[in-house]
Structures are given as C-alpha cells and as structure tokens.
Amino acid sequence: MTRPGKAPPTALGFRVKSGWAAACLVSGPASSPSVVDRRVVILSDPEVPRSKQPYHSGTGEAETDAAKLARLIGTVESYAGKSLAALFAEYRALGRAPVAVGIAVGTDGDPERIGNQHIQAHAREGRLFRRVIEHAARAQRLPCCILVEREPYRVAAEILGGGEDTLKRRVAELGKPLGGSWRAEDKLAALAGWRALA
C-alpha cells in the first residue's frame, strides 16, 4: 500500500524496434496500473542513418566490413546510452524514477544460429538494441525482465493473473486515457512495464 503523499512505484516498459523503442512508464500498484507517459525513444543516431540498421549494408545485404560494423555499433551504443540516460534523469526529476525495467523483444533466440544472413542481420540488430536498454537499466541499478513477443500475454498472465484475454483487454484500456493511437508497440511496452512493476 502506498503511503499518503508518496508517489506510487513506476516501471518502464520498452518494445524494441530497429533504431528506436516504444516506451511506456507504468505507475502502480500492479493490481490497478496506469500508463503515465508514452513516447518513442530514439536509439540510433539520426545523423548516421545507417546506425538504424547497422548489421545491414547499404544494399540491404548483411554488413561484412568489420571496421564499418564496429563504428556503427559504437555509434548506437553512444547515442542510445545518452538518450536513455536523459530519459531516466527526466523521470527522476519528476519524482517518477522507475523501480524496474521490462523489455518486449521480437525473439530471444541466438542470432548466430540463423542460417539466412538477412534474417540474421535483423536478429542481431534486435539483440543490439535490447542490449543497450539492458545496459542503461544496469547503469541505473534497476532489475530488468524480458518479454518475448511470440507469447507475451500468456507469460505475463502467469505473473499478473487473470488469464490472457482479460490481460489483453486491460492493456487495451490502459491506452484510453492517453488519447491518440494506442499501437501494438505501445501495448507491448505497457505490458512489459506492468510485468516489471509486478
């Protein structure tokens, strides 16, 4: 139970995409959460367009130049680190510092086990952008949990209760007070934040 005058706990949920992430700040208690902020967080440097998909060459094939790849990855790590640090600092200044982070990802498999180089490049990018968020969470000393997109509601329901269908309805309702569109990415970010809060 929250003491009078004390802000309820919050958790920050992300849905990782290539070069960016949907982010939702979820406020507790976990039994009746609300989304108090929703935004897009840029994780690749807009001044370096190739950093959005560093594992792809300019032709759409997998990048094979190791030096170029290392520079692009370094660009992502630097830009994302600053972007995420600023986000955490903003929430802290507002008295809404998250107590945990949840990340919804497309897959949790090992990219190196994928035979198709183009698909492998996408998987490597997913892993890179997930990793920069995990690193930012560790820098803030925050626990971090992963939610795989393939079955997020089933996995989350094991912790949150209520069953998959109920959870889907509740997540859909979380977006109503915010106005505007409540996209699939937003819903998964909110679900990841809610699970982290719990």
N, C-alpha and C. Protein backbone atom coordinates (compact mmCIF):
# COMPACT_ATOMS: atom_id res chain seq x y z
N MET A 1 0.84 -1.19 0.00
CA MET A 1 0.00 0.00 0.00
C MET A 1 0.88 1.24 0.00
N THR A 2 0.49 2.23 -0.78
CA THR A 2 1.25 3.47 -0.89
C THR A 2 0.91 4.40 0.27
N ARG A 3 1.96 4.94 0.90
CA ARG A 3 1.74 5.89 1.99
C ARG A 3 1.22 7.20 1.43
N PRO A 4 0.36 7.93 2.20
CA PRO A 4 -0.13 9.23 1.73
C PRO A 4 1.04 10.15 1.40
N GLY A 5 0.92 10.86 0.29
CA GLY A 5 1.95 11.81 -0.10
C GLY A 5 3.11 11.21 -0.86
N LYS A 6 3.18 9.88 -0.90
CA LYS A 6 4.27 9.23 -1.62
C LYS A 6 3.76 8.75 -2.98
N ALA A 7 4.51 9.07 -4.03
CA ALA A 7 4.09 8.66 -5.38
C ALA A 7 4.13 7.14 -5.49
N PRO A 8 3.18 6.55 -6.21
CA PRO A 8 3.20 5.10 -6.40
C PRO A 8 4.42 4.69 -7.21
N PRO A 9 4.85 3.45 -7.07
CA PRO A 9 6.03 3.00 -7.83
C PRO A 9 5.74 2.98 -9.32
N THR A 10 6.79 3.14 -10.11
CA THR A 10 6.66 3.07 -11.56
C THR A 10 7.67 2.07 -12.11
N ALA A 11 7.35 1.53 -13.29
CA ALA A 11 8.29 0.69 -14.04
C ALA A 11 8.24 1.16 -15.48
N LEU A 12 9.35 1.02 -16.16
CA LEU A 12 9.46 1.49 -17.53
C LEU A 12 9.49 0.30 -18.47
N GLY A 13 8.54 0.27 -19.40
CA GLY A 13 8.48 -0.81 -20.38
C GLY A 13 8.88 -0.32 -21.76
N PHE A 14 9.57 -1.18 -22.48
CA PHE A 14 10.01 -0.87 -23.85
C PHE A 14 9.57 -1.97 -24.80
N ARG A 15 9.23 -1.60 -26.03
CA ARG A 15 9.11 -2.56 -27.13
C ARG A 15 10.20 -2.18 -28.11
N VAL A 16 11.21 -3.04 -28.23
CA VAL A 16 12.37 -2.77 -29.05
C VAL A 16 12.04 -2.90 -30.53
N LYS A 17 12.46 -1.90 -31.30
CA LYS A 17 12.37 -1.94 -32.76
C LYS A 17 13.78 -1.62 -33.28
N SER A 18 13.94 -1.56 -34.59
CA SER A 18 15.26 -1.30 -35.15
C SER A 18 15.54 0.20 -35.15
N GLY A 19 16.40 0.63 -34.23
CA GLY A 19 16.77 2.04 -34.15
C GLY A 19 15.95 2.86 -33.19
N TRP A 20 14.89 2.28 -32.63
CA TRP A 20 14.04 3.02 -31.70
C TRP A 20 13.29 2.03 -30.81
N ALA A 21 12.59 2.57 -29.85
CA ALA A 21 11.75 1.73 -28.99
C ALA A 21 10.53 2.54 -28.57
N ALA A 22 9.40 1.86 -28.50
CA ALA A 22 8.22 2.45 -27.86
C ALA A 22 8.45 2.30 -26.36
N ALA A 23 8.14 3.34 -25.59
CA ALA A 23 8.34 3.30 -24.14
C ALA A 23 7.07 3.74 -23.43
N CYS A 24 6.74 3.02 -22.36
CA CYS A 24 5.60 3.38 -21.51
C CYS A 24 6.03 3.34 -20.06
N LEU A 25 5.77 4.42 -19.35
CA LEU A 25 6.02 4.46 -17.92
C LEU A 25 4.73 4.04 -17.23
N VAL A 26 4.78 2.92 -16.53
CA VAL A 26 3.60 2.34 -15.89
C VAL A 26 3.67 2.61 -14.40
N SER A 27 2.58 3.19 -13.87
CA SER A 27 2.51 3.52 -12.45
C SER A 27 1.65 2.49 -11.73
N GLY A 28 2.06 2.14 -10.50
CA GLY A 28 1.36 1.13 -9.72
C GLY A 28 0.22 1.69 -8.93
N PRO A 29 -0.39 0.83 -8.13
CA PRO A 29 0.07 -0.53 -7.84
C PRO A 29 -0.17 -1.48 -9.01
N ALA A 30 0.52 -2.64 -8.97
CA ALA A 30 0.42 -3.60 -10.06
C ALA A 30 -0.99 -4.15 -10.22
N SER A 31 -1.80 -4.11 -9.16
CA SER A 31 -3.17 -4.61 -9.25
C SER A 31 -4.07 -3.69 -10.06
N SER A 32 -3.71 -2.40 -10.15
CA SER A 32 -4.50 -1.45 -10.97
C SER A 32 -3.56 -0.40 -11.56
N PRO A 33 -2.77 -0.80 -12.54
CA PRO A 33 -1.77 0.11 -13.11
C PRO A 33 -2.37 1.16 -14.03
N SER A 34 -1.58 2.18 -14.29
CA SER A 34 -1.94 3.18 -15.30
C SER A 34 -0.67 3.57 -16.04
N VAL A 35 -0.83 3.99 -17.28
CA VAL A 35 0.31 4.47 -18.06
C VAL A 35 0.35 5.98 -17.90
N VAL A 36 1.44 6.48 -17.32
CA VAL A 36 1.54 7.91 -17.04
C VAL A 36 2.38 8.66 -18.07
N ASP A 37 3.08 7.90 -18.92
CA ASP A 37 3.83 8.53 -20.01
C ASP A 37 4.04 7.51 -21.11
N ARG A 38 3.94 7.99 -22.34
CA ARG A 38 4.17 7.14 -23.51
C ARG A 38 4.97 7.96 -24.50
N ARG A 39 6.00 7.36 -25.08
CA ARG A 39 6.82 8.09 -26.05
C ARG A 39 7.63 7.13 -26.90
N VAL A 40 8.23 7.68 -27.93
CA VAL A 40 9.19 6.96 -28.75
C VAL A 40 10.58 7.39 -28.29
N VAL A 41 11.46 6.43 -28.05
CA VAL A 41 12.83 6.72 -27.66
C VAL A 41 13.73 6.35 -28.83
N ILE A 42 14.48 7.31 -29.34
CA ILE A 42 15.38 7.06 -30.47
C ILE A 42 16.67 6.45 -29.94
N LEU A 43 17.06 5.32 -30.54
CA LEU A 43 18.24 4.58 -30.08
C LEU A 43 19.37 4.59 -31.11
N SER A 44 19.11 5.13 -32.30
CA SER A 44 20.16 5.24 -33.32
C SER A 44 20.34 6.72 -33.65
N ASP A 45 21.52 7.07 -34.06
CA ASP A 45 21.84 8.48 -34.31
C ASP A 45 21.21 8.96 -35.62
N PRO A 46 20.28 9.92 -35.56
CA PRO A 46 19.66 10.43 -36.79
C PRO A 46 20.66 11.01 -37.78
N GLU A 47 21.83 11.45 -37.27
CA GLU A 47 22.87 12.00 -38.14
C GLU A 47 23.63 10.89 -38.88
N VAL A 48 23.44 9.64 -38.43
CA VAL A 48 24.10 8.48 -39.06
C VAL A 48 23.00 7.49 -39.43
N PRO A 49 22.34 7.70 -40.57
CA PRO A 49 21.18 6.87 -40.93
C PRO A 49 21.46 5.36 -40.90
N ARG A 50 22.67 4.95 -41.25
CA ARG A 50 23.00 3.52 -41.25
C ARG A 50 22.97 2.92 -39.84
N SER A 51 23.03 3.76 -38.81
CA SER A 51 23.03 3.22 -37.44
C SER A 51 21.67 2.63 -37.06
N LYS A 52 20.63 2.92 -37.85
CA LYS A 52 19.32 2.34 -37.58
C LYS A 52 19.32 0.84 -37.85
N GLN A 53 20.09 0.42 -38.83
CA GLN A 53 20.24 -1.00 -39.16
C GLN A 53 21.72 -1.30 -39.40
N PRO A 54 22.52 -1.29 -38.34
CA PRO A 54 23.98 -1.40 -38.52
C PRO A 54 24.46 -2.72 -39.10
N TYR A 55 23.69 -3.77 -38.94
CA TYR A 55 24.12 -5.07 -39.45
C TYR A 55 23.74 -5.28 -40.91
N HIS A 56 23.10 -4.28 -41.52
CA HIS A 56 22.77 -4.33 -42.94
C HIS A 56 23.73 -3.42 -43.71
N SER A 57 24.15 -3.86 -44.88
CA SER A 57 24.95 -2.98 -45.73
C SER A 57 24.00 -2.01 -46.43
N GLY A 58 24.54 -1.06 -47.14
CA GLY A 58 23.71 -0.10 -47.85
C GLY A 58 22.81 -0.72 -48.90
N THR A 59 23.15 -1.94 -49.34
CA THR A 59 22.36 -2.63 -50.36
C THR A 59 21.27 -3.51 -49.76
N GLY A 60 21.18 -3.56 -48.44
CA GLY A 60 20.18 -4.40 -47.79
C GLY A 60 20.71 -5.77 -47.42
N GLU A 61 21.90 -6.12 -47.89
CA GLU A 61 22.52 -7.39 -47.51
C GLU A 61 23.18 -7.23 -46.13
N ALA A 62 23.65 -8.35 -45.58
CA ALA A 62 24.34 -8.29 -44.30
C ALA A 62 25.67 -7.53 -44.44
N GLU A 63 25.97 -6.69 -43.47
CA GLU A 63 27.23 -5.94 -43.47
C GLU A 63 28.38 -6.89 -43.15
N THR A 64 29.41 -6.90 -44.00
CA THR A 64 30.56 -7.80 -43.78
C THR A 64 31.84 -7.05 -43.47
N ASP A 65 31.83 -5.73 -43.58
CA ASP A 65 33.01 -4.92 -43.27
C ASP A 65 33.08 -4.74 -41.75
N ALA A 66 34.02 -5.45 -41.12
CA ALA A 66 34.10 -5.47 -39.65
C ALA A 66 34.36 -4.09 -39.06
N ALA A 67 35.21 -3.30 -39.71
CA ALA A 67 35.53 -1.97 -39.18
C ALA A 67 34.31 -1.06 -39.26
N LYS A 68 33.60 -1.11 -40.38
CA LYS A 68 32.40 -0.29 -40.55
C LYS A 68 31.33 -0.70 -39.53
N LEU A 69 31.18 -2.01 -39.35
CA LEU A 69 30.20 -2.53 -38.40
C LEU A 69 30.54 -2.08 -36.97
N ALA A 70 31.81 -2.16 -36.61
CA ALA A 70 32.23 -1.74 -35.27
C ALA A 70 31.93 -0.26 -35.04
N ARG A 71 32.16 0.59 -36.06
CA ARG A 71 31.87 2.03 -35.93
C ARG A 71 30.37 2.26 -35.74
N LEU A 72 29.56 1.55 -36.52
CA LEU A 72 28.11 1.72 -36.42
C LEU A 72 27.58 1.26 -35.07
N ILE A 73 28.10 0.14 -34.59
CA ILE A 73 27.68 -0.36 -33.27
C ILE A 73 28.09 0.63 -32.18
N GLY A 74 29.30 1.16 -32.29
CA GLY A 74 29.76 2.18 -31.33
C GLY A 74 28.87 3.41 -31.35
N THR A 75 28.43 3.80 -32.55
CA THR A 75 27.52 4.94 -32.68
C THR A 75 26.21 4.66 -31.96
N VAL A 76 25.66 3.46 -32.16
CA VAL A 76 24.41 3.08 -31.49
C VAL A 76 24.59 3.10 -29.97
N GLU A 77 25.66 2.47 -29.50
CA GLU A 77 25.87 2.39 -28.05
C GLU A 77 26.00 3.78 -27.43
N SER A 78 26.72 4.67 -28.10
CA SER A 78 26.91 6.02 -27.58
C SER A 78 25.60 6.82 -27.60
N TYR A 79 24.92 6.82 -28.74
CA TYR A 79 23.70 7.61 -28.86
C TYR A 79 22.60 7.08 -27.94
N ALA A 80 22.40 5.77 -27.96
CA ALA A 80 21.35 5.17 -27.13
C ALA A 80 21.65 5.38 -25.65
N GLY A 81 22.92 5.27 -25.28
CA GLY A 81 23.28 5.47 -23.87
C GLY A 81 22.89 6.86 -23.39
N LYS A 82 23.17 7.87 -24.21
CA LYS A 82 22.82 9.25 -23.84
C LYS A 82 21.31 9.46 -23.83
N SER A 83 20.64 8.92 -24.84
CA SER A 83 19.18 9.06 -24.95
C SER A 83 18.47 8.44 -23.75
N LEU A 84 18.90 7.24 -23.38
CA LEU A 84 18.26 6.54 -22.26
C LEU A 84 18.62 7.18 -20.92
N ALA A 85 19.86 7.63 -20.77
CA ALA A 85 20.25 8.31 -19.52
C ALA A 85 19.41 9.57 -19.33
N ALA A 86 19.16 10.30 -20.42
CA ALA A 86 18.33 11.51 -20.33
C ALA A 86 16.90 11.17 -19.94
N LEU A 87 16.39 10.05 -20.47
CA LEU A 87 15.03 9.62 -20.13
C LEU A 87 14.91 9.29 -18.64
N PHE A 88 15.85 8.51 -18.13
CA PHE A 88 15.83 8.17 -16.71
C PHE A 88 15.97 9.43 -15.84
N ALA A 89 16.83 10.35 -16.26
CA ALA A 89 17.03 11.59 -15.50
C ALA A 89 15.75 12.43 -15.47
N GLU A 90 15.04 12.46 -16.59
CA GLU A 90 13.79 13.22 -16.65
C GLU A 90 12.75 12.63 -15.69
N TYR A 91 12.60 11.32 -15.69
CA TYR A 91 11.63 10.70 -14.78
C TYR A 91 12.04 10.91 -13.32
N ARG A 92 13.34 10.84 -13.06
CA ARG A 92 13.81 11.06 -11.68
C ARG A 92 13.48 12.48 -11.24
N ALA A 93 13.69 13.46 -12.12
CA ALA A 93 13.41 14.87 -11.79
C ALA A 93 11.93 15.10 -11.54
N LEU A 94 11.07 14.30 -12.18
CA LEU A 94 9.62 14.42 -12.00
C LEU A 94 9.12 13.62 -10.79
N GLY A 95 10.04 12.97 -10.07
CA GLY A 95 9.64 12.15 -8.92
C GLY A 95 9.01 10.83 -9.33
N ARG A 96 9.31 10.37 -10.54
CA ARG A 96 8.73 9.13 -11.06
C ARG A 96 9.82 8.15 -11.49
N ALA A 97 10.91 8.10 -10.76
CA ALA A 97 12.01 7.20 -11.13
C ALA A 97 11.53 5.75 -11.12
N PRO A 98 11.75 5.02 -12.21
CA PRO A 98 11.30 3.62 -12.25
C PRO A 98 12.04 2.75 -11.25
N VAL A 99 11.34 1.72 -10.78
CA VAL A 99 11.96 0.74 -9.87
C VAL A 99 12.38 -0.51 -10.62
N ALA A 100 11.97 -0.64 -11.89
CA ALA A 100 12.31 -1.80 -12.71
C ALA A 100 12.09 -1.46 -14.17
N VAL A 101 12.65 -2.29 -15.04
CA VAL A 101 12.52 -2.12 -16.49
C VAL A 101 12.07 -3.45 -17.10
N GLY A 102 11.12 -3.35 -18.03
CA GLY A 102 10.69 -4.52 -18.79
C GLY A 102 10.93 -4.25 -20.27
N ILE A 103 11.39 -5.27 -20.99
CA ILE A 103 11.68 -5.10 -22.42
C ILE A 103 10.96 -6.18 -23.21
N ALA A 104 10.11 -5.77 -24.13
CA ALA A 104 9.46 -6.70 -25.05
C ALA A 104 10.31 -6.79 -26.31
N VAL A 105 10.66 -8.00 -26.69
CA VAL A 105 11.53 -8.23 -27.85
C VAL A 105 10.85 -9.16 -28.84
N GLY A 106 11.30 -9.11 -30.09
CA GLY A 106 10.72 -9.97 -31.11
C GLY A 106 11.08 -11.42 -30.93
N THR A 107 12.30 -11.68 -30.52
CA THR A 107 12.76 -13.05 -30.32
C THR A 107 13.85 -13.07 -29.26
N ASP A 108 14.02 -14.22 -28.63
CA ASP A 108 15.07 -14.37 -27.63
C ASP A 108 16.12 -15.38 -28.08
N GLY A 109 16.02 -15.80 -29.36
CA GLY A 109 16.95 -16.80 -29.87
C GLY A 109 18.33 -16.23 -30.16
N ASP A 110 19.28 -17.12 -30.36
CA ASP A 110 20.66 -16.75 -30.68
C ASP A 110 20.75 -16.41 -32.17
N PRO A 111 21.07 -15.16 -32.52
CA PRO A 111 21.16 -14.79 -33.93
C PRO A 111 22.16 -15.64 -34.72
N GLU A 112 23.21 -16.10 -34.04
CA GLU A 112 24.25 -16.86 -34.73
C GLU A 112 23.74 -18.21 -35.22
N ARG A 113 22.60 -18.66 -34.74
CA ARG A 113 22.05 -19.95 -35.16
C ARG A 113 21.15 -19.83 -36.38
N ILE A 114 21.00 -18.61 -36.89
CA ILE A 114 20.14 -18.37 -38.05
C ILE A 114 21.00 -18.47 -39.31
N GLY A 115 20.58 -19.32 -40.23
CA GLY A 115 21.36 -19.54 -41.45
C GLY A 115 21.23 -18.43 -42.47
N ASN A 116 20.07 -17.87 -42.65
CA ASN A 116 19.83 -16.81 -43.62
C ASN A 116 20.48 -15.52 -43.13
N GLN A 117 21.43 -14.99 -43.90
CA GLN A 117 22.20 -13.82 -43.44
C GLN A 117 21.34 -12.58 -43.24
N HIS A 118 20.34 -12.39 -44.11
CA HIS A 118 19.50 -11.21 -43.99
C HIS A 118 18.66 -11.27 -42.71
N ILE A 119 18.07 -12.43 -42.44
CA ILE A 119 17.27 -12.61 -41.21
C ILE A 119 18.20 -12.51 -39.99
N GLN A 120 19.40 -13.06 -40.12
CA GLN A 120 20.36 -12.99 -39.02
C GLN A 120 20.71 -11.54 -38.71
N ALA A 121 20.85 -10.71 -39.76
CA ALA A 121 21.17 -9.29 -39.54
C ALA A 121 20.07 -8.61 -38.73
N HIS A 122 18.81 -8.91 -39.06
CA HIS A 122 17.68 -8.35 -38.29
C HIS A 122 17.75 -8.81 -36.83
N ALA A 123 18.03 -10.09 -36.63
CA ALA A 123 18.10 -10.64 -35.26
C ALA A 123 19.24 -10.01 -34.48
N ARG A 124 20.36 -9.78 -35.15
CA ARG A 124 21.49 -9.14 -34.46
C ARG A 124 21.14 -7.71 -34.05
N GLU A 125 20.42 -7.01 -34.93
CA GLU A 125 20.00 -5.66 -34.59
C GLU A 125 19.04 -5.66 -33.41
N GLY A 126 18.11 -6.60 -33.42
CA GLY A 126 17.20 -6.72 -32.27
C GLY A 126 17.97 -6.94 -30.98
N ARG A 127 18.98 -7.81 -31.04
CA ARG A 127 19.79 -8.09 -29.85
C ARG A 127 20.59 -6.87 -29.43
N LEU A 128 21.12 -6.11 -30.39
CA LEU A 128 21.90 -4.91 -30.08
C LEU A 128 21.04 -3.87 -29.36
N PHE A 129 19.85 -3.58 -29.91
CA PHE A 129 19.02 -2.54 -29.31
C PHE A 129 18.46 -2.99 -27.95
N ARG A 130 18.20 -4.26 -27.81
CA ARG A 130 17.82 -4.80 -26.49
C ARG A 130 18.98 -4.60 -25.50
N ARG A 131 20.20 -4.92 -25.96
CA ARG A 131 21.36 -4.85 -25.08
C ARG A 131 21.61 -3.43 -24.58
N VAL A 132 21.43 -2.41 -25.45
CA VAL A 132 21.70 -1.04 -24.98
C VAL A 132 20.68 -0.62 -23.92
N ILE A 133 19.45 -1.12 -24.02
CA ILE A 133 18.45 -0.81 -22.98
C ILE A 133 18.81 -1.55 -21.69
N GLU A 134 19.20 -2.81 -21.80
CA GLU A 134 19.61 -3.57 -20.61
C GLU A 134 20.80 -2.89 -19.93
N HIS A 135 21.74 -2.41 -20.72
CA HIS A 135 22.92 -1.73 -20.16
C HIS A 135 22.50 -0.45 -19.42
N ALA A 136 21.57 0.30 -20.02
CA ALA A 136 21.09 1.53 -19.37
C ALA A 136 20.38 1.21 -18.06
N ALA A 137 19.61 0.11 -18.04
CA ALA A 137 18.93 -0.30 -16.80
C ALA A 137 19.95 -0.67 -15.73
N ARG A 138 20.99 -1.42 -16.12
CA ARG A 138 22.03 -1.79 -15.16
C ARG A 138 22.75 -0.56 -14.62
N ALA A 139 22.97 0.43 -15.50
CA ALA A 139 23.64 1.66 -15.06
C ALA A 139 22.81 2.38 -14.00
N GLN A 140 21.49 2.19 -14.04
CA GLN A 140 20.59 2.79 -13.05
C GLN A 140 20.35 1.85 -11.86
N ARG A 141 21.02 0.68 -11.89
CA ARG A 141 20.87 -0.36 -10.86
C ARG A 141 19.42 -0.86 -10.77
N LEU A 142 18.80 -1.04 -11.93
CA LEU A 142 17.40 -1.48 -11.98
C LEU A 142 17.31 -2.92 -12.48
N PRO A 143 16.45 -3.72 -11.85
CA PRO A 143 16.22 -5.06 -12.39
C PRO A 143 15.52 -4.97 -13.74
N CYS A 144 15.77 -5.95 -14.58
CA CYS A 144 15.26 -5.92 -15.94
C CYS A 144 14.70 -7.29 -16.30
N CYS A 145 13.50 -7.32 -16.89
CA CYS A 145 12.93 -8.59 -17.33
C CYS A 145 12.60 -8.51 -18.82
N ILE A 146 12.64 -9.66 -19.47
CA ILE A 146 12.42 -9.74 -20.92
C ILE A 146 11.10 -10.45 -21.18
N LEU A 147 10.36 -9.92 -22.13
CA LEU A 147 9.07 -10.48 -22.55
C LEU A 147 9.17 -10.71 -24.06
N VAL A 148 9.04 -11.97 -24.49
CA VAL A 148 9.16 -12.29 -25.92
C VAL A 148 7.81 -12.11 -26.59
N GLU A 149 7.83 -11.42 -27.73
CA GLU A 149 6.60 -11.05 -28.43
C GLU A 149 5.74 -12.25 -28.84
N ARG A 150 6.34 -13.40 -29.03
CA ARG A 150 5.60 -14.57 -29.51
C ARG A 150 4.45 -14.95 -28.59
N GLU A 151 4.64 -14.84 -27.28
CA GLU A 151 3.58 -15.21 -26.33
C GLU A 151 3.60 -14.32 -25.10
N PRO A 152 3.52 -13.01 -25.29
CA PRO A 152 3.68 -12.10 -24.15
C PRO A 152 2.55 -12.17 -23.14
N TYR A 153 1.32 -12.32 -23.61
CA TYR A 153 0.19 -12.29 -22.67
C TYR A 153 0.12 -13.56 -21.83
N ARG A 154 0.46 -14.70 -22.44
CA ARG A 154 0.47 -15.94 -21.67
C ARG A 154 1.52 -15.88 -20.56
N VAL A 155 2.73 -15.43 -20.92
CA VAL A 155 3.81 -15.34 -19.93
C VAL A 155 3.48 -14.31 -18.85
N ALA A 156 2.99 -13.14 -19.27
CA ALA A 156 2.66 -12.09 -18.30
C ALA A 156 1.52 -12.52 -17.38
N ALA A 157 0.56 -13.27 -17.93
CA ALA A 157 -0.59 -13.72 -17.12
C ALA A 157 -0.16 -14.64 -15.99
N GLU A 158 0.93 -15.37 -16.18
CA GLU A 158 1.43 -16.24 -15.11
C GLU A 158 1.85 -15.43 -13.89
N ILE A 159 2.27 -14.20 -14.12
CA ILE A 159 2.71 -13.33 -13.02
C ILE A 159 1.58 -12.41 -12.57
N LEU A 160 0.87 -11.84 -13.55
CA LEU A 160 -0.15 -10.84 -13.24
C LEU A 160 -1.52 -11.44 -12.92
N GLY A 161 -1.75 -12.67 -13.40
CA GLY A 161 -3.03 -13.33 -13.16
C GLY A 161 -4.12 -12.83 -14.09
N GLY A 162 -5.27 -13.48 -14.04
CA GLY A 162 -6.43 -13.03 -14.81
C GLY A 162 -6.61 -13.67 -16.16
N GLY A 163 -5.63 -14.38 -16.67
CA GLY A 163 -5.77 -15.02 -17.96
C GLY A 163 -5.42 -14.09 -19.11
N GLU A 164 -5.09 -14.68 -20.27
CA GLU A 164 -4.63 -13.92 -21.42
C GLU A 164 -5.66 -12.93 -21.95
N ASP A 165 -6.92 -13.38 -22.13
CA ASP A 165 -7.94 -12.50 -22.70
C ASP A 165 -8.22 -11.29 -21.81
N THR A 166 -8.29 -11.54 -20.51
CA THR A 166 -8.52 -10.44 -19.57
C THR A 166 -7.36 -9.45 -19.62
N LEU A 167 -6.15 -9.99 -19.69
CA LEU A 167 -4.96 -9.14 -19.72
C LEU A 167 -4.94 -8.30 -21.00
N LYS A 168 -5.30 -8.89 -22.13
CA LYS A 168 -5.35 -8.14 -23.39
C LYS A 168 -6.34 -6.98 -23.30
N ARG A 169 -7.50 -7.24 -22.70
CA ARG A 169 -8.50 -6.17 -22.54
C ARG A 169 -7.98 -5.06 -21.64
N ARG A 170 -7.33 -5.46 -20.53
CA ARG A 170 -6.84 -4.45 -19.59
C ARG A 170 -5.73 -3.61 -20.21
N VAL A 171 -4.86 -4.24 -20.99
CA VAL A 171 -3.79 -3.48 -21.65
C VAL A 171 -4.38 -2.54 -22.70
N ALA A 172 -5.40 -3.00 -23.43
CA ALA A 172 -6.06 -2.13 -24.41
C ALA A 172 -6.67 -0.91 -23.72
N GLU A 173 -7.22 -1.09 -22.53
CA GLU A 173 -7.85 0.01 -21.79
C GLU A 173 -6.82 0.99 -21.22
N LEU A 174 -5.58 0.52 -20.99
CA LEU A 174 -4.55 1.40 -20.44
C LEU A 174 -4.27 2.59 -21.35
N GLY A 175 -4.49 2.42 -22.65
CA GLY A 175 -4.19 3.49 -23.59
C GLY A 175 -5.28 4.54 -23.72
N LYS A 176 -6.49 4.23 -23.29
CA LYS A 176 -7.62 5.15 -23.50
C LYS A 176 -7.40 6.54 -22.89
N PRO A 177 -6.93 6.64 -21.64
CA PRO A 177 -6.75 7.99 -21.07
C PRO A 177 -5.69 8.84 -21.78
N LEU A 178 -4.82 8.19 -22.56
CA LEU A 178 -3.74 8.92 -23.21
C LEU A 178 -4.19 9.63 -24.47
N GLY A 179 -5.28 9.17 -25.07
CA GLY A 179 -5.73 9.74 -26.34
C GLY A 179 -4.82 9.32 -27.48
N GLY A 180 -5.25 9.59 -28.68
CA GLY A 180 -4.44 9.23 -29.84
C GLY A 180 -4.41 7.73 -30.07
N SER A 181 -3.51 7.33 -30.95
CA SER A 181 -3.42 5.90 -31.26
C SER A 181 -2.73 5.14 -30.14
N TRP A 182 -3.10 3.90 -29.99
CA TRP A 182 -2.53 3.01 -28.98
C TRP A 182 -2.11 1.76 -29.76
N ARG A 183 -0.91 1.86 -30.33
CA ARG A 183 -0.43 0.86 -31.27
C ARG A 183 0.02 -0.43 -30.58
N ALA A 184 0.25 -1.45 -31.38
CA ALA A 184 0.73 -2.74 -30.86
C ALA A 184 2.03 -2.56 -30.08
N GLU A 185 2.92 -1.68 -30.58
CA GLU A 185 4.19 -1.44 -29.88
C GLU A 185 3.95 -0.82 -28.50
N ASP A 186 2.99 0.10 -28.43
CA ASP A 186 2.67 0.74 -27.15
C ASP A 186 2.12 -0.30 -26.16
N LYS A 187 1.23 -1.15 -26.66
CA LYS A 187 0.63 -2.17 -25.80
C LYS A 187 1.68 -3.11 -25.24
N LEU A 188 2.62 -3.54 -26.09
CA LEU A 188 3.67 -4.44 -25.59
C LEU A 188 4.61 -3.73 -24.63
N ALA A 189 4.90 -2.46 -24.87
CA ALA A 189 5.73 -1.70 -23.94
C ALA A 189 5.04 -1.57 -22.59
N ALA A 190 3.71 -1.28 -22.63
CA ALA A 190 2.94 -1.16 -21.38
C ALA A 190 2.88 -2.50 -20.66
N LEU A 191 2.69 -3.58 -21.40
CA LEU A 191 2.65 -4.91 -20.78
C LEU A 191 3.99 -5.26 -20.14
N ALA A 192 5.09 -4.94 -20.84
CA ALA A 192 6.42 -5.21 -20.29
C ALA A 192 6.66 -4.39 -19.02
N GLY A 193 6.21 -3.12 -19.03
CA GLY A 193 6.34 -2.28 -17.85
C GLY A 193 5.51 -2.80 -16.69
N TRP A 194 4.29 -3.24 -16.98
CA TRP A 194 3.39 -3.77 -15.96
C TRP A 194 3.98 -5.03 -15.34
N ARG A 195 4.50 -5.90 -16.19
CA ARG A 195 5.11 -7.13 -15.66
C ARG A 195 6.33 -6.78 -14.78
N ALA A 196 7.14 -5.81 -15.22
CA ALA A 196 8.29 -5.39 -14.42
C ALA A 196 7.84 -4.80 -13.08
N LEU A 197 6.75 -4.07 -13.11
CA LEU A 197 6.21 -3.46 -11.88
C LEU A 197 5.80 -4.53 -10.88
N ALA A 198 5.24 -5.62 -11.40
CA ALA A 198 4.78 -6.71 -10.53
C ALA A 198 5.93 -7.52 -9.98
